[in-house]
Amino acid sequence: MQEFLSEYNLEGLAIGLATFLIIGVFHPLVIKGEYYMGQKCNWLFLAGGIATLILSLFTSGVVSILLGVTSFSCFWSILEVREQRERVRKGWFPPNPKRREP
């Protein structure tokens, strides 16, 4: 096993898997954020994106890469919240009956 790990560089595979998982986590965050908070959750995604972007500048290696992926997943989620609102409007997702839309 040690020979396998030293012979092959598995860092790329690990980063790819972690990126897949990070993006997978953000999908339900967008859905739940839009359901409970509406467009207001965009501020949370913006703050999270800026925070992880700054942290990625002060770290190195795989940690920096994963923080960068998380940062841009936050930024992309801002667009996805708008898209999610449209999906709710089309009836693809249920609206929150306790929240009034402006």
C-alpha atoms as a PDB file:
ATOM      1  CA  MET A   1       0.000   0.000   0.000  1.00  0.00           C
ATOM      2  CA  GLN A   2       2.820   2.396   0.855  1.00  0.00           C
ATOM      3  CA  GLU A   3       4.382   1.742  -2.572  1.00  0.00           C
ATOM      4  CA  PHE A   4       1.096   2.555  -4.265  1.00  0.00           C
ATOM      5  CA  LEU A   5       0.730   5.832  -2.386  1.00  0.00           C
ATOM      6  CA  SER A   6       4.313   6.881  -3.051  1.00  0.00           C
ATOM      7  CA  GLU A   7       4.223   5.823  -6.727  1.00  0.00           C
ATOM      8  CA  TYR A   8       1.010   7.627  -7.705  1.00  0.00           C
ATOM      9  CA  ASN A   9       0.119  11.231  -7.038  1.00  0.00           C
ATOM     10  CA  LEU A  10      -3.414  11.017  -5.675  1.00  0.00           C
ATOM     11  CA  GLU A  11      -3.659  14.688  -4.772  1.00  0.00           C
ATOM     12  CA  GLY A  12      -5.586  15.520  -7.932  1.00  0.00           C
ATOM     13  CA  LEU A  13      -8.127  12.796  -7.278  1.00  0.00           C
ATOM     14  CA  ALA A  14      -8.574  13.956  -3.689  1.00  0.00           C
ATOM     15  CA  ILE A  15      -9.128  17.548  -4.812  1.00  0.00           C
ATOM     16  CA  GLY A  16     -11.600  16.393  -7.459  1.00  0.00           C
ATOM     17  CA  LEU A  17     -13.561  14.342  -4.934  1.00  0.00           C
ATOM     18  CA  ALA A  18     -13.557  17.187  -2.408  1.00  0.00           C
ATOM     19  CA  THR A  19     -14.742  19.634  -5.085  1.00  0.00           C
ATOM     20  CA  PHE A  20     -17.567  17.275  -5.993  1.00  0.00           C
ATOM     21  CA  LEU A  21     -18.596  17.052  -2.331  1.00  0.00           C
ATOM     22  CA  ILE A  22     -18.400  20.835  -1.806  1.00  0.00           C
ATOM     23  CA  ILE A  23     -20.625  21.479  -4.814  1.00  0.00           C
ATOM     24  CA  GLY A  24     -22.968  18.739  -3.607  1.00  0.00           C
ATOM     25  CA  VAL A  25     -23.305  20.442  -0.223  1.00  0.00           C
ATOM     26  CA  PHE A  26     -24.164  23.791  -1.784  1.00  0.00           C
ATOM     27  CA  HIS A  27     -27.100  22.411  -3.784  1.00  0.00           C
ATOM     28  CA  PRO A  28     -29.327  21.801  -0.735  1.00  0.00           C
ATOM     29  CA  LEU A  29     -28.009  24.981   0.919  1.00  0.00           C
ATOM     30  CA  VAL A  30     -29.361  27.005  -1.990  1.00  0.00           C
ATOM     31  CA  ILE A  31     -32.732  25.245  -1.870  1.00  0.00           C
ATOM     32  CA  LYS A  32     -33.125  25.615   1.911  1.00  0.00           C
ATOM     33  CA  GLY A  33     -31.738  29.154   1.914  1.00  0.00           C
ATOM     34  CA  GLU A  34     -34.228  30.322  -0.700  1.00  0.00           C
ATOM     35  CA  TYR A  35     -37.081  28.486   1.032  1.00  0.00           C
ATOM     36  CA  TYR A  36     -36.493  29.949   4.496  1.00  0.00           C
ATOM     37  CA  MET A  37     -34.853  33.312   3.728  1.00  0.00           C
ATOM     38  CA  GLY A  38     -35.613  34.149   0.104  1.00  0.00           C
ATOM     39  CA  GLN A  39     -33.123  36.464  -1.564  1.00  0.00           C
ATOM     40  CA  LYS A  40     -31.751  37.541   1.830  1.00  0.00           C
ATOM     41  CA  CYS A  41     -29.566  34.421   1.955  1.00  0.00           C
ATOM     42  CA  ASN A  42     -27.463  35.944  -0.838  1.00  0.00           C
ATOM     43  CA  TRP A  43     -25.759  38.064   1.815  1.00  0.00           C
ATOM     44  CA  LEU A  44     -24.697  34.918   3.661  1.00  0.00           C
ATOM     45  CA  PHE A  45     -23.291  33.394   0.483  1.00  0.00           C
ATOM     46  CA  LEU A  46     -21.472  36.650  -0.299  1.00  0.00           C
ATOM     47  CA  ALA A  47     -19.979  36.866   3.203  1.00  0.00           C
ATOM     48  CA  GLY A  48     -18.962  33.198   3.113  1.00  0.00           C
ATOM     49  CA  GLY A  49     -17.429  33.615  -0.319  1.00  0.00           C
ATOM     50  CA  ILE A  50     -15.401  36.658   0.697  1.00  0.00           C
ATOM     51  CA  ALA A  51     -14.261  35.008   3.939  1.00  0.00           C
ATOM     52  CA  THR A  52     -13.103  31.801   2.256  1.00  0.00           C
ATOM     53  CA  LEU A  53     -11.481  33.793  -0.560  1.00  0.00           C
ATOM     54  CA  ILE A  54      -9.429  35.772   1.951  1.00  0.00           C
ATOM     55  CA  LEU A  55      -8.530  32.611   3.862  1.00  0.00           C
ATOM     56  CA  SER A  56      -7.383  30.945   0.642  1.00  0.00           C
ATOM     57  CA  LEU A  57      -4.908  33.784   0.099  1.00  0.00           C
ATOM     58  CA  PHE A  58      -3.225  33.076   3.435  1.00  0.00           C
ATOM     59  CA  THR A  59      -2.961  29.302   3.138  1.00  0.00           C
ATOM     60  CA  SER A  60      -1.156  27.040   0.723  1.00  0.00           C
ATOM     61  CA  GLY A  61      -1.458  23.702  -0.983  1.00  0.00           C
ATOM     62  CA  VAL A  62      -4.599  21.625  -0.953  1.00  0.00           C
ATOM     63  CA  VAL A  63      -6.215  23.731   1.787  1.00  0.00           C
ATOM     64  CA  SER A  64      -5.898  26.863  -0.341  1.00  0.00           C
ATOM     65  CA  ILE A  65      -7.378  25.067  -3.332  1.00  0.00           C
ATOM     66  CA  LEU A  66     -10.354  23.764  -1.366  1.00  0.00           C
ATOM     67  CA  LEU A  67     -10.984  27.178   0.183  1.00  0.00           C
ATOM     68  CA  GLY A  68     -10.934  28.666  -3.317  1.00  0.00           C
ATOM     69  CA  VAL A  69     -13.430  26.069  -4.526  1.00  0.00           C
ATOM     70  CA  THR A  70     -15.651  26.813  -1.534  1.00  0.00           C
ATOM     71  CA  SER A  71     -15.363  30.543  -2.171  1.00  0.00           C
ATOM     72  CA  PHE A  72     -16.474  30.332  -5.766  1.00  0.00           C
ATOM     73  CA  SER A  73     -19.200  27.853  -4.856  1.00  0.00           C
ATOM     74  CA  CYS A  74     -20.546  30.538  -2.521  1.00  0.00           C
ATOM     75  CA  PHE A  75     -20.397  33.131  -5.276  1.00  0.00           C
ATOM     76  CA  TRP A  76     -22.097  30.783  -7.743  1.00  0.00           C
ATOM     77  CA  SER A  77     -24.808  30.099  -5.159  1.00  0.00           C
ATOM     78  CA  ILE A  78     -25.860  33.757  -5.315  1.00  0.00           C
ATOM     79  CA  LEU A  79     -26.852  33.194  -8.943  1.00  0.00           C
ATOM     80  CA  GLU A  80     -28.434  29.855  -8.082  1.00  0.00           C
ATOM     81  CA  VAL A  81     -30.679  31.437  -5.438  1.00  0.00           C
ATOM     82  CA  ARG A  82     -32.133  33.643  -8.172  1.00  0.00           C
ATOM     83  CA  GLU A  83     -32.581  30.581 -10.373  1.00  0.00           C
ATOM     84  CA  GLN A  84     -34.192  28.733  -7.463  1.00  0.00           C
ATOM     85  CA  ARG A  85     -36.720  31.539  -7.050  1.00  0.00           C
ATOM     86  CA  GLU A  86     -37.644  31.021 -10.692  1.00  0.00           C
ATOM     87  CA  ARG A  87     -37.962  27.254 -10.170  1.00  0.00           C
ATOM     88  CA  VAL A  88     -40.348  27.897  -7.276  1.00  0.00           C
ATOM     89  CA  ARG A  89     -42.342  30.301  -9.436  1.00  0.00           C
ATOM     90  CA  LYS A  90     -42.669  27.595 -12.102  1.00  0.00           C
ATOM     91  CA  GLY A  91     -43.890  25.116  -9.497  1.00  0.00           C
ATOM     92  CA  TRP A  92     -40.884  22.810  -9.623  1.00  0.00           C
ATOM     93  CA  PHE A  93     -40.234  23.381  -5.891  1.00  0.00           C
ATOM     94  CA  PRO A  94     -42.732  24.219  -3.144  1.00  0.00           C
ATOM     95  CA  PRO A  95     -42.947  27.816  -1.923  1.00  0.00           C
ATOM     96  CA  ASN A  96     -42.670  28.590   1.767  1.00  0.00           C
ATOM     97  CA  PRO A  97     -46.247  29.359   2.872  1.00  0.00           C
ATOM     98  CA  LYS A  98     -44.995  31.319   5.899  1.00  0.00           C
ATOM     99  CA  ARG A  99     -43.012  33.775   3.793  1.00  0.00           C
ATOM    100  CA  ARG A 100     -44.615  36.479   1.726  1.00  0.00           C
ATOM    101  CA  GLU A 101     -42.864  37.471  -1.463  1.00  0.00           C
ATOM    102  CA  PRO A 102     -42.520  41.214  -2.067  1.00  0.00           C
END
